Amino acid sequence: MSRTDILSEIKKAETEADAKVIKAEADKKTAIAEARRDSVKRIQDAEAEMRSSYESAMTKEAEVLNIERDLKLAVGKKEADTIEAASERKIKEVNDFLAKKFEETINVAS
């Protein structure tokens, strides 16, 4: 092999090496961009799952609280009805008592 052929081979090898380096850098940039897109997608998916889980838990808890509220309202209404019935009986007794005392005062004064 002549000196020119050897230099041509070296030049060809250098050109191929440069091409491989350029391709490797391009592949590296592509891989980094793809990894970034993948990580952003994973983050978005995780956030969406977290939001969904949060909303599901909140809905479930709201249902439990609504049931508890309804039960407490029913108990309160029952107690209020009992108190109202007792107060109606007491009002009648108080009116009778006041009328009797008023009549006694009038009878004493006469």
PDB file of N, CA and C in Angstrom:
ATOM      1  N   MET A   1       0.821  -1.152   0.000  1.00  0.00           N
ATOM      2  CA  MET A   1       0.000   0.000   0.000  1.00  0.00           C
ATOM      3  C   MET A   1       0.885   1.240   0.000  1.00  0.00           C
ATOM      4  N   SER A   2       0.493   2.164  -0.809  1.00  0.00           N
ATOM      5  CA  SER A   2       1.315   3.360  -0.933  1.00  0.00           C
ATOM      6  C   SER A   2       0.934   4.361   0.150  1.00  0.00           C
ATOM      7  N   ARG A   3       1.792   5.297   0.262  1.00  0.00           N
ATOM      8  CA  ARG A   3       1.587   6.327   1.263  1.00  0.00           C
ATOM      9  C   ARG A   3       0.280   7.075   1.007  1.00  0.00           C
ATOM     10  N   THR A   4      -0.076   7.359  -0.185  1.00  0.00           N
ATOM     11  CA  THR A   4      -1.308   8.055  -0.541  1.00  0.00           C
ATOM     12  C   THR A   4      -2.512   7.227  -0.156  1.00  0.00           C
ATOM     13  N   ASP A   5      -2.427   5.915  -0.406  1.00  0.00           N
ATOM     14  CA  ASP A   5      -3.532   5.028  -0.045  1.00  0.00           C
ATOM     15  C   ASP A   5      -3.721   5.009   1.475  1.00  0.00           C
ATOM     16  N   ILE A   6      -2.624   4.977   2.200  1.00  0.00           N
ATOM     17  CA  ILE A   6      -2.690   4.959   3.662  1.00  0.00           C
ATOM     18  C   ILE A   6      -3.311   6.267   4.163  1.00  0.00           C
ATOM     19  N   LEU A   7      -2.875   7.394   3.589  1.00  0.00           N
ATOM     20  CA  LEU A   7      -3.434   8.689   3.988  1.00  0.00           C
ATOM     21  C   LEU A   7      -4.924   8.761   3.640  1.00  0.00           C
ATOM     22  N   SER A   8      -5.293   8.189   2.511  1.00  0.00           N
ATOM     23  CA  SER A   8      -6.708   8.160   2.110  1.00  0.00           C
ATOM     24  C   SER A   8      -7.525   7.326   3.095  1.00  0.00           C
ATOM     25  N   GLU A   9      -6.944   6.182   3.491  1.00  0.00           N
ATOM     26  CA  GLU A   9      -7.612   5.317   4.461  1.00  0.00           C
ATOM     27  C   GLU A   9      -7.792   6.052   5.801  1.00  0.00           C
ATOM     28  N   ILE A  10      -6.730   6.752   6.227  1.00  0.00           N
ATOM     29  CA  ILE A  10      -6.790   7.510   7.478  1.00  0.00           C
ATOM     30  C   ILE A  10      -7.849   8.601   7.370  1.00  0.00           C
ATOM     31  N   LYS A  11      -7.848   9.310   6.258  1.00  0.00           N
ATOM     32  CA  LYS A  11      -8.819  10.385   6.038  1.00  0.00           C
ATOM     33  C   LYS A  11     -10.241   9.815   6.047  1.00  0.00           C
ATOM     34  N   LYS A  12     -10.415   8.670   5.398  1.00  0.00           N
ATOM     35  CA  LYS A  12     -11.719   8.018   5.348  1.00  0.00           C
ATOM     36  C   LYS A  12     -12.139   7.594   6.764  1.00  0.00           C
ATOM     37  N   ALA A  13     -11.237   7.043   7.548  1.00  0.00           N
ATOM     38  CA  ALA A  13     -11.520   6.615   8.918  1.00  0.00           C
ATOM     39  C   ALA A  13     -11.870   7.818   9.785  1.00  0.00           C
ATOM     40  N   GLU A  14     -11.142   8.924   9.588  1.00  0.00           N
ATOM     41  CA  GLU A  14     -11.446  10.142  10.348  1.00  0.00           C
ATOM     42  C   GLU A  14     -12.834  10.667  10.001  1.00  0.00           C
ATOM     43  N   THR A  15     -13.172  10.653   8.714  1.00  0.00           N
ATOM     44  CA  THR A  15     -14.494  11.112   8.268  1.00  0.00           C
ATOM     45  C   THR A  15     -15.592  10.231   8.860  1.00  0.00           C
ATOM     46  N   GLU A  16     -15.364   8.912   8.841  1.00  0.00           N
ATOM     47  CA  GLU A  16     -16.339   7.984   9.414  1.00  0.00           C
ATOM     48  C   GLU A  16     -16.463   8.205  10.925  1.00  0.00           C
ATOM     49  N   ALA A  17     -15.329   8.420  11.574  1.00  0.00           N
ATOM     50  CA  ALA A  17     -15.346   8.676  13.018  1.00  0.00           C
ATOM     51  C   ALA A  17     -16.111   9.960  13.321  1.00  0.00           C
ATOM     52  N   ASP A  18     -15.860  11.009  12.538  1.00  0.00           N
ATOM     53  CA  ASP A  18     -16.593  12.264  12.735  1.00  0.00           C
ATOM     54  C   ASP A  18     -18.097  12.060  12.545  1.00  0.00           C
ATOM     55  N   ALA A  19     -18.471  11.286  11.522  1.00  0.00           N
ATOM     56  CA  ALA A  19     -19.878  11.012  11.256  1.00  0.00           C
ATOM     57  C   ALA A  19     -20.498  10.246  12.432  1.00  0.00           C
ATOM     58  N   LYS A  20     -19.725   9.275  12.955  1.00  0.00           N
ATOM     59  CA  LYS A  20     -20.225   8.497  14.092  1.00  0.00           C
ATOM     60  C   LYS A  20     -20.405   9.388  15.318  1.00  0.00           C
ATOM     61  N   VAL A  21     -19.467  10.314  15.546  1.00  0.00           N
ATOM     62  CA  VAL A  21     -19.563  11.238  16.674  1.00  0.00           C
ATOM     63  C   VAL A  21     -20.787  12.131  16.508  1.00  0.00           C
ATOM     64  N   ILE A  22     -20.994  12.661  15.303  1.00  0.00           N
ATOM     65  CA  ILE A  22     -22.157  13.524  15.037  1.00  0.00           C
ATOM     66  C   ILE A  22     -23.447  12.735  15.252  1.00  0.00           C
ATOM     67  N   LYS A  23     -23.486  11.490  14.750  1.00  0.00           N
ATOM     68  CA  LYS A  23     -24.678  10.651  14.917  1.00  0.00           C
ATOM     69  C   LYS A  23     -24.899  10.341  16.399  1.00  0.00           C
ATOM     70  N   ALA A  24     -23.823  10.045  17.113  1.00  0.00           N
ATOM     71  CA  ALA A  24     -23.945   9.743  18.549  1.00  0.00           C
ATOM     72  C   ALA A  24     -24.472  10.958  19.313  1.00  0.00           C
ATOM     73  N   GLU A  25     -24.000  12.159  18.983  1.00  0.00           N
ATOM     74  CA  GLU A  25     -24.493  13.366  19.642  1.00  0.00           C
ATOM     75  C   GLU A  25     -25.966  13.602  19.326  1.00  0.00           C
ATOM     76  N   ALA A  26     -26.341  13.366  18.068  1.00  0.00           N
ATOM     77  CA  ALA A  26     -27.748  13.507  17.684  1.00  0.00           C
ATOM     78  C   ALA A  26     -28.603  12.482  18.422  1.00  0.00           C
ATOM     79  N   ASP A  27     -28.110  11.236  18.500  1.00  0.00           N
ATOM     80  CA  ASP A  27     -28.839  10.195  19.230  1.00  0.00           C
ATOM     81  C   ASP A  27     -28.964  10.562  20.712  1.00  0.00           C
ATOM     82  N   LYS A  28     -27.883  11.151  21.257  1.00  0.00           N
ATOM     83  CA  LYS A  28     -27.890  11.568  22.661  1.00  0.00           C
ATOM     84  C   LYS A  28     -28.954  12.643  22.881  1.00  0.00           C
ATOM     85  N   LYS A  29     -28.996  13.648  21.991  1.00  0.00           N
ATOM     86  CA  LYS A  29     -29.991  14.714  22.118  1.00  0.00           C
ATOM     87  C   LYS A  29     -31.404  14.150  22.005  1.00  0.00           C
ATOM     88  N   THR A  30     -31.589  13.233  21.066  1.00  0.00           N
ATOM     89  CA  THR A  30     -32.898  12.604  20.884  1.00  0.00           C
ATOM     90  C   THR A  30     -33.298  11.821  22.131  1.00  0.00           C
ATOM     91  N   ALA A  31     -32.348  11.074  22.687  1.00  0.00           N
ATOM     92  CA  ALA A  31     -32.631  10.273  23.881  1.00  0.00           C
ATOM     93  C   ALA A  31     -32.960  11.171  25.068  1.00  0.00           C
ATOM     94  N   ILE A  32     -32.247  12.285  25.211  1.00  0.00           N
ATOM     95  CA  ILE A  32     -32.509  13.221  26.305  1.00  0.00           C
ATOM     96  C   ILE A  32     -33.890  13.846  26.137  1.00  0.00           C
ATOM     97  N   ALA A  33     -34.210  14.253  24.908  1.00  0.00           N
ATOM     98  CA  ALA A  33     -35.525  14.860  24.656  1.00  0.00           C
ATOM     99  C   ALA A  33     -36.645  13.855  24.937  1.00  0.00           C
ATOM    100  N   GLU A  34     -36.440  12.622  24.523  1.00  0.00           N
ATOM    101  CA  GLU A  34     -37.441  11.582  24.753  1.00  0.00           C
ATOM    102  C   GLU A  34     -37.589  11.296  26.252  1.00  0.00           C
ATOM    103  N   ALA A  35     -36.464  11.270  26.953  1.00  0.00           N
ATOM    104  CA  ALA A  35     -36.510  11.045  28.403  1.00  0.00           C
ATOM    105  C   ALA A  35     -37.243  12.188  29.099  1.00  0.00           C
ATOM    106  N   ARG A  36     -37.009  13.412  28.653  1.00  0.00           N
ATOM    107  CA  ARG A  36     -37.719  14.555  29.248  1.00  0.00           C
ATOM    108  C   ARG A  36     -39.222  14.455  28.994  1.00  0.00           C
ATOM    109  N   ARG A  37     -39.593  14.130  27.751  1.00  0.00           N
ATOM    110  CA  ARG A  37     -41.014  13.981  27.431  1.00  0.00           C
ATOM    111  C   ARG A  37     -41.636  12.870  28.279  1.00  0.00           C
ATOM    112  N   ASP A  38     -40.906  11.770  28.417  1.00  0.00           N
ATOM    113  CA  ASP A  38     -41.398  10.642  29.206  1.00  0.00           C
ATOM    114  C   ASP A  38     -41.551  11.038  30.675  1.00  0.00           C
ATOM    115  N   SER A  39     -40.590  11.767  31.204  1.00  0.00           N
ATOM    116  CA  SER A  39     -40.676  12.175  32.613  1.00  0.00           C
ATOM    117  C   SER A  39     -41.826  13.163  32.822  1.00  0.00           C
ATOM    118  N   VAL A  40     -42.026  14.083  31.891  1.00  0.00           N
ATOM    119  CA  VAL A  40     -43.148  15.024  31.996  1.00  0.00           C
ATOM    120  C   VAL A  40     -44.471  14.269  31.946  1.00  0.00           C
ATOM    121  N   LYS A  41     -44.558  13.282  31.055  1.00  0.00           N
ATOM    122  CA  LYS A  41     -45.785  12.487  30.948  1.00  0.00           C
ATOM    123  C   LYS A  41     -46.021  11.709  32.231  1.00  0.00           C
ATOM    124  N   ARG A  42     -44.964  11.134  32.794  1.00  0.00           N
ATOM    125  CA  ARG A  42     -45.124  10.384  34.047  1.00  0.00           C
ATOM    126  C   ARG A  42     -45.575  11.301  35.174  1.00  0.00           C
ATOM    127  N   ILE A  43     -45.004  12.482  35.235  1.00  0.00           N
ATOM    128  CA  ILE A  43     -45.397  13.447  36.270  1.00  0.00           C
ATOM    129  C   ILE A  43     -46.859  13.838  36.090  1.00  0.00           C
ATOM    130  N   GLN A  44     -47.260  14.122  34.854  1.00  0.00           N
ATOM    131  CA  GLN A  44     -48.645  14.496  34.591  1.00  0.00           C
ATOM    132  C   GLN A  44     -49.597  13.348  34.925  1.00  0.00           C
ATOM    133  N   ASP A  45     -49.207  12.125  34.571  1.00  0.00           N
ATOM    134  CA  ASP A  45     -50.045  10.967  34.893  1.00  0.00           C
ATOM    135  C   ASP A  45     -50.169  10.788  36.401  1.00  0.00           C
ATOM    136  N   ALA A  46     -49.054  10.954  37.114  1.00  0.00           N
ATOM    137  CA  ALA A  46     -49.079  10.809  38.574  1.00  0.00           C
ATOM    138  C   ALA A  46     -49.958  11.898  39.199  1.00  0.00           C
ATOM    139  N   GLU A  47     -49.850  13.130  38.691  1.00  0.00           N
ATOM    140  CA  GLU A  47     -50.684  14.220  39.217  1.00  0.00           C
ATOM    141  C   GLU A  47     -52.159  13.958  38.930  1.00  0.00           C
ATOM    142  N   ALA A  48     -52.453  13.459  37.736  1.00  0.00           N
ATOM    143  CA  ALA A  48     -53.846  13.159  37.389  1.00  0.00           C
ATOM    144  C   ALA A  48     -54.388  12.044  38.286  1.00  0.00           C
ATOM    145  N   GLU A  49     -53.587  11.040  38.533  1.00  0.00           N
ATOM    146  CA  GLU A  49     -54.001   9.946  39.411  1.00  0.00           C
ATOM    147  C   GLU A  49     -54.204  10.451  40.841  1.00  0.00           C
ATOM    148  N   MET A  50     -53.296  11.325  41.281  1.00  0.00           N
ATOM    149  CA  MET A  50     -53.407  11.890  42.624  1.00  0.00           C
ATOM    150  C   MET A  50     -54.685  12.726  42.738  1.00  0.00           C
ATOM    151  N   ARG A  51     -54.978  13.554  41.716  1.00  0.00           N
ATOM    152  CA  ARG A  51     -56.200  14.359  41.730  1.00  0.00           C
ATOM    153  C   ARG A  51     -57.435  13.460  41.764  1.00  0.00           C
ATOM    154  N   SER A  52     -57.401  12.420  40.950  1.00  0.00           N
ATOM    155  CA  SER A  52     -58.535  11.496  40.894  1.00  0.00           C
ATOM    156  C   SER A  52     -58.733  10.816  42.244  1.00  0.00           C
ATOM    157  N   SER A  53     -57.649  10.378  42.845  1.00  0.00           N
ATOM    158  CA  SER A  53     -57.719   9.736  44.155  1.00  0.00           C
ATOM    159  C   SER A  53     -58.241  10.720  45.202  1.00  0.00           C
ATOM    160  N   TYR A  54     -57.754  11.954  45.150  1.00  0.00           N
ATOM    161  CA  TYR A  54     -58.190  12.996  46.091  1.00  0.00           C
ATOM    162  C   TYR A  54     -59.686  13.268  45.934  1.00  0.00           C
ATOM    163  N   GLU A  55     -60.124  13.425  44.687  1.00  0.00           N
ATOM    164  CA  GLU A  55     -61.539  13.715  44.439  1.00  0.00           C
ATOM    165  C   GLU A  55     -62.417  12.550  44.878  1.00  0.00           C
ATOM    166  N   SER A  56     -61.941  11.334  44.637  1.00  0.00           N
ATOM    167  CA  SER A  56     -62.694  10.152  45.052  1.00  0.00           C
ATOM    168  C   SER A  56     -62.810  10.094  46.567  1.00  0.00           C
ATOM    169  N   ALA A  57     -61.708  10.356  47.258  1.00  0.00           N
ATOM    170  CA  ALA A  57     -61.723  10.350  48.729  1.00  0.00           C
ATOM    171  C   ALA A  57     -62.624  11.451  49.260  1.00  0.00           C
ATOM    172  N   MET A  58     -62.572  12.626  48.646  1.00  0.00           N
ATOM    173  CA  MET A  58     -63.408  13.748  49.091  1.00  0.00           C
ATOM    174  C   MET A  58     -64.888  13.425  48.876  1.00  0.00           C
ATOM    175  N   THR A  59     -65.223  12.838  47.756  1.00  0.00           N
ATOM    176  CA  THR A  59     -66.609  12.473  47.471  1.00  0.00           C
ATOM    177  C   THR A  59     -67.105  11.453  48.486  1.00  0.00           C
ATOM    178  N   LYS A  60     -66.273  10.451  48.755  1.00  0.00           N
ATOM    179  CA  LYS A  60     -66.644   9.413  49.713  1.00  0.00           C
ATOM    180  C   LYS A  60     -66.842  10.019  51.104  1.00  0.00           C
ATOM    181  N   GLU A  61     -65.942  10.880  51.500  1.00  0.00           N
ATOM    182  CA  GLU A  61     -66.036  11.518  52.820  1.00  0.00           C
ATOM    183  C   GLU A  61     -67.255  12.437  52.895  1.00  0.00           C
ATOM    184  N   ALA A  62     -67.547  13.132  51.795  1.00  0.00           N
ATOM    185  CA  ALA A  62     -68.728  14.001  51.768  1.00  0.00           C
ATOM    186  C   ALA A  62     -70.002  13.176  51.946  1.00  0.00           C
ATOM    187  N   GLU A  63     -70.047  12.004  51.344  1.00  0.00           N
ATOM    188  CA  GLU A  63     -71.214  11.134  51.496  1.00  0.00           C
ATOM    189  C   GLU A  63     -71.379  10.707  52.957  1.00  0.00           C
ATOM    190  N   VAL A  64     -70.261  10.341  53.590  1.00  0.00           N
ATOM    191  CA  VAL A  64     -70.309   9.934  54.995  1.00  0.00           C
ATOM    192  C   VAL A  64     -70.795  11.099  55.861  1.00  0.00           C
ATOM    193  N   LEU A  65     -70.261  12.281  55.596  1.00  0.00           N
ATOM    194  CA  LEU A  65     -70.669  13.455  56.374  1.00  0.00           C
ATOM    195  C   LEU A  65     -72.140  13.794  56.145  1.00  0.00           C
ATOM    196  N   ASN A  66     -72.621  13.641  54.928  1.00  0.00           N
ATOM    197  CA  ASN A  66     -74.040  13.898  54.647  1.00  0.00           C
ATOM    198  C   ASN A  66     -74.933  12.931  55.420  1.00  0.00           C
ATOM    199  N   ILE A  67     -74.515  11.681  55.480  1.00  0.00           N
ATOM    200  CA  ILE A  67     -75.298  10.688  56.230  1.00  0.00           C
ATOM    201  C   ILE A  67     -75.307  11.057  57.715  1.00  0.00           C
ATOM    202  N   GLU A  68     -74.137  11.392  58.251  1.00  0.00           N
ATOM    203  CA  GLU A  68     -74.063  11.794  59.664  1.00  0.00           C
ATOM    204  C   GLU A  68     -74.917  13.036  59.930  1.00  0.00           C
ATOM    205  N   ARG A  69     -74.851  14.011  59.010  1.00  0.00           N
ATOM    206  CA  ARG A  69     -75.650  15.228  59.167  1.00  0.00           C
ATOM    207  C   ARG A  69     -77.136  14.893  59.196  1.00  0.00           C
ATOM    208  N   ASP A  70     -77.566  14.044  58.249  1.00  0.00           N
ATOM    209  CA  ASP A  70     -78.981  13.681  58.187  1.00  0.00           C
ATOM    210  C   ASP A  70     -79.430  12.982  59.470  1.00  0.00           C
ATOM    211  N   LEU A  71     -78.565  12.108  60.003  1.00  0.00           N
ATOM    212  CA  LEU A  71     -78.906  11.414  61.249  1.00  0.00           C
ATOM    213  C   LEU A  71     -79.021  12.409  62.404  1.00  0.00           C
ATOM    214  N   LYS A  72     -78.074  13.317  62.498  1.00  0.00           N
ATOM    215  CA  LYS A  72     -78.113  14.301  63.574  1.00  0.00           C
ATOM    216  C   LYS A  72     -79.304  15.239  63.429  1.00  0.00           C
ATOM    217  N   LEU A  73     -79.640  15.606  62.199  1.00  0.00           N
ATOM    218  CA  LEU A  73     -80.821  16.443  61.984  1.00  0.00           C
ATOM    219  C   LEU A  73     -82.088  15.710  62.398  1.00  0.00           C
ATOM    220  N   ALA A  74     -82.158  14.426  62.102  1.00  0.00           N
ATOM    221  CA  ALA A  74     -83.342  13.643  62.476  1.00  0.00           C
ATOM    222  C   ALA A  74     -83.459  13.559  63.993  1.00  0.00           C
ATOM    223  N   VAL A  75     -82.328  13.312  64.673  1.00  0.00           N
ATOM    224  CA  VAL A  75     -82.345  13.256  66.137  1.00  0.00           C
ATOM    225  C   VAL A  75     -82.736  14.622  66.701  1.00  0.00           C
ATOM    226  N   GLY A  76     -82.173  15.690  66.155  1.00  0.00           N
ATOM    227  CA  GLY A  76     -82.499  17.042  66.615  1.00  0.00           C
ATOM    228  C   GLY A  76     -83.961  17.378  66.401  1.00  0.00           C
ATOM    229  N   LYS A  77     -84.504  16.976  65.259  1.00  0.00           N
ATOM    230  CA  LYS A  77     -85.916  17.250  64.983  1.00  0.00           C
ATOM    231  C   LYS A  77     -86.806  16.503  65.963  1.00  0.00           C
ATOM    232  N   LYS A  78     -86.431  15.264  66.253  1.00  0.00           N
ATOM    233  CA  LYS A  78     -87.213  14.478  67.198  1.00  0.00           C
ATOM    234  C   LYS A  78     -87.181  15.135  68.584  1.00  0.00           C
ATOM    235  N   GLU A  79     -85.996  15.573  69.005  1.00  0.00           N
ATOM    236  CA  GLU A  79     -85.871  16.249  70.301  1.00  0.00           C
ATOM    237  C   GLU A  79     -86.664  17.558  70.304  1.00  0.00           C
ATOM    238  N   ALA A  80     -86.598  18.300  69.195  1.00  0.00           N
ATOM    239  CA  ALA A  80     -87.337  19.566  69.107  1.00  0.00           C
ATOM    240  C   ALA A  80     -88.837  19.317  69.185  1.00  0.00           C
ATOM    241  N   ASP A  81     -89.308  18.255  68.527  1.00  0.00           N
ATOM    242  CA  ASP A  81     -90.734  17.926  68.584  1.00  0.00           C
ATOM    243  C   ASP A  81     -91.147  17.558  70.009  1.00  0.00           C
ATOM    244  N   THR A  82     -90.285  16.816  70.698  1.00  0.00           N
ATOM    245  CA  THR A  82     -90.573  16.438  72.085  1.00  0.00           C
ATOM    246  C   THR A  82     -90.645  17.677  72.976  1.00  0.00           C
ATOM    247  N   ILE A  83     -89.670  18.566  72.799  1.00  0.00           N
ATOM    248  CA  ILE A  83     -89.642  19.805  73.589  1.00  0.00           C
ATOM    249  C   ILE A  83     -90.860  20.663  73.277  1.00  0.00           C
ATOM    250  N   GLU A  84     -91.222  20.737  72.019  1.00  0.00           N
ATOM    251  CA  GLU A  84     -92.388  21.540  71.626  1.00  0.00           C
ATOM    252  C   GLU A  84     -93.662  20.982  72.241  1.00  0.00           C
ATOM    253  N   ALA A  85     -93.818  19.668  72.233  1.00  0.00           N
ATOM    254  CA  ALA A  85     -95.016  19.058  72.819  1.00  0.00           C
ATOM    255  C   ALA A  85     -95.061  19.331  74.323  1.00  0.00           C
ATOM    256  N   ALA A  86     -93.898  19.202  74.972  1.00  0.00           N
ATOM    257  CA  ALA A  86     -93.849  19.456  76.420  1.00  0.00           C
ATOM    258  C   ALA A  86     -94.146  20.923  76.710  1.00  0.00           C
ATOM    259  N   SER A  87     -93.629  21.823  75.893  1.00  0.00           N
ATOM    260  CA  SER A  87     -93.865  23.250  76.129  1.00  0.00           C
ATOM    261  C   SER A  87     -95.325  23.614  75.898  1.00  0.00           C
ATOM    262  N   GLU A  88     -95.976  22.968  74.959  1.00  0.00           N
ATOM    263  CA  GLU A  88     -97.397  23.234  74.733  1.00  0.00           C
ATOM    264  C   GLU A  88     -98.215  22.832  75.957  1.00  0.00           C
ATOM    265  N   ARG A  89     -97.844  21.691  76.561  1.00  0.00           N
ATOM    266  CA  ARG A  89     -98.536  21.264  77.786  1.00  0.00           C
ATOM    267  C   ARG A  89     -98.268  22.257  78.913  1.00  0.00           C
ATOM    268  N   LYS A  90     -97.031  22.710  79.018  1.00  0.00           N
ATOM    269  CA  LYS A  90     -96.655  23.642  80.073  1.00  0.00           C
ATOM    270  C   LYS A  90     -97.336  25.000  79.876  1.00  0.00           C
ATOM    271  N   ILE A  91     -97.473  25.433  78.639  1.00  0.00           N
ATOM    272  CA  ILE A  91     -98.124  26.718  78.366  1.00  0.00           C
ATOM    273  C   ILE A  91     -99.563  26.674  78.866  1.00  0.00           C
ATOM    274  N   LYS A  92    -100.232  25.585  78.639  1.00  0.00           N
ATOM    275  CA  LYS A  92    -101.620  25.434  79.117  1.00  0.00           C
ATOM    276  C   LYS A  92    -101.637  25.512  80.634  1.00  0.00           C
ATOM    277  N   GLU A  93    -100.692  24.803  81.289  1.00  0.00           N
ATOM    278  CA  GLU A  93    -100.634  24.834  82.747  1.00  0.00           C
ATOM    279  C   GLU A  93    -100.330  26.244  83.263  1.00  0.00           C
ATOM    280  N   VAL A  94     -99.398  26.929  82.618  1.00  0.00           N
ATOM    281  CA  VAL A  94     -99.019  28.284  83.035  1.00  0.00           C
ATOM    282  C   VAL A  94    -100.203  29.231  82.866  1.00  0.00           C
ATOM    283  N   ASN A  95    -100.903  29.138  81.754  1.00  0.00           N
ATOM    284  CA  ASN A  95    -102.081  29.999  81.531  1.00  0.00           C
ATOM    285  C   ASN A  95    -103.136  29.751  82.610  1.00  0.00           C
ATOM    286  N   ASP A  96    -103.385  28.499  82.933  1.00  0.00           N
ATOM    287  CA  ASP A  96    -104.360  28.175  83.974  1.00  0.00           C
ATOM    288  C   ASP A  96    -103.901  28.729  85.320  1.00  0.00           C
ATOM    289  N   PHE A  97    -102.612  28.573  85.635  1.00  0.00           N
ATOM    290  CA  PHE A  97    -102.061  29.060  86.895  1.00  0.00           C
ATOM    291  C   PHE A  97    -102.183  30.575  86.993  1.00  0.00           C
ATOM    292  N   LEU A  98    -101.792  31.272  85.908  1.00  0.00           N
ATOM    293  CA  LEU A  98    -101.873  32.741  85.913  1.00  0.00           C
ATOM    294  C   LEU A  98    -103.317  33.216  86.043  1.00  0.00           C
ATOM    295  N   ALA A  99    -104.207  32.558  85.348  1.00  0.00           N
ATOM    296  CA  ALA A  99    -105.624  32.938  85.439  1.00  0.00           C
ATOM    297  C   ALA A  99    -106.128  32.741  86.861  1.00  0.00           C
ATOM    298  N   LYS A 100    -105.736  31.626  87.481  1.00  0.00           N
ATOM    299  CA  LYS A 100    -106.145  31.349  88.855  1.00  0.00           C
ATOM    300  C   LYS A 100    -105.588  32.404  89.804  1.00  0.00           C
ATOM    301  N   LYS A 101    -104.317  32.760  89.670  1.00  0.00           N
ATOM    302  CA  LYS A 101    -103.698  33.761  90.534  1.00  0.00           C
ATOM    303  C   LYS A 101    -104.343  35.135  90.320  1.00  0.00           C
ATOM    304  N   PHE A 102    -104.634  35.442  89.070  1.00  0.00           N
ATOM    305  CA  PHE A 102    -105.287  36.711  88.770  1.00  0.00           C
ATOM    306  C   PHE A 102    -106.656  36.770  89.433  1.00  0.00           C
ATOM    307  N   GLU A 103    -107.405  35.649  89.321  1.00  0.00           N
ATOM    308  CA  GLU A 103    -108.725  35.591  89.949  1.00  0.00           C
ATOM    309  C   GLU A 103    -108.612  35.698  91.455  1.00  0.00           C
ATOM    310  N   GLU A 104    -107.578  35.053  92.048  1.00  0.00           N
ATOM    311  CA  GLU A 104    -107.391  35.148  93.503  1.00  0.00           C
ATOM    312  C   GLU A 104    -107.101  36.579  93.912  1.00  0.00           C
ATOM    313  N   THR A 105    -106.270  37.264  93.108  1.00  0.00           N
ATOM    314  CA  THR A 105    -105.940  38.649  93.421  1.00  0.00           C
ATOM    315  C   THR A 105    -107.175  39.515  93.334  1.00  0.00           C
ATOM    316  N   ILE A 106    -108.003  39.293  92.367  1.00  0.00           N
ATOM    317  CA  ILE A 106    -109.237  40.070  92.214  1.00  0.00           C
ATOM    318  C   ILE A 106    -110.191  39.752  93.356  1.00  0.00           C
ATOM    319  N   ASN A 107    -110.320  38.485  93.745  1.00  0.00           N
ATOM    320  CA  ASN A 107    -111.208  38.087  94.831  1.00  0.00           C
ATOM    321  C   ASN A 107    -110.739  38.664  96.169  1.00  0.00           C
ATOM    322  N   VAL A 108    -109.416  38.730  96.370  1.00  0.00           N
ATOM    323  CA  VAL A 108    -108.870  39.269  97.617  1.00  0.00           C
ATOM    324  C   VAL A 108    -109.115  40.771  97.659  1.00  0.00           C
ATOM    325  N   ALA A 109    -108.960  41.435  96.544  1.00  0.00           N
ATOM    326  CA  ALA A 109    -109.131  42.878  96.482  1.00  0.00           C
ATOM    327  C   ALA A 109    -110.598  43.278  96.620  1.00  0.00           C
ATOM    328  N   SER A 110    -111.531  42.407  96.294  1.00  0.00           N
ATOM    329  CA  SER A 110    -112.931  42.803  96.356  1.00  0.00           C
ATOM    330  C   SER A 110    -113.524  42.748  97.712  1.00  0.00           C
TER     331      SER A 110
END
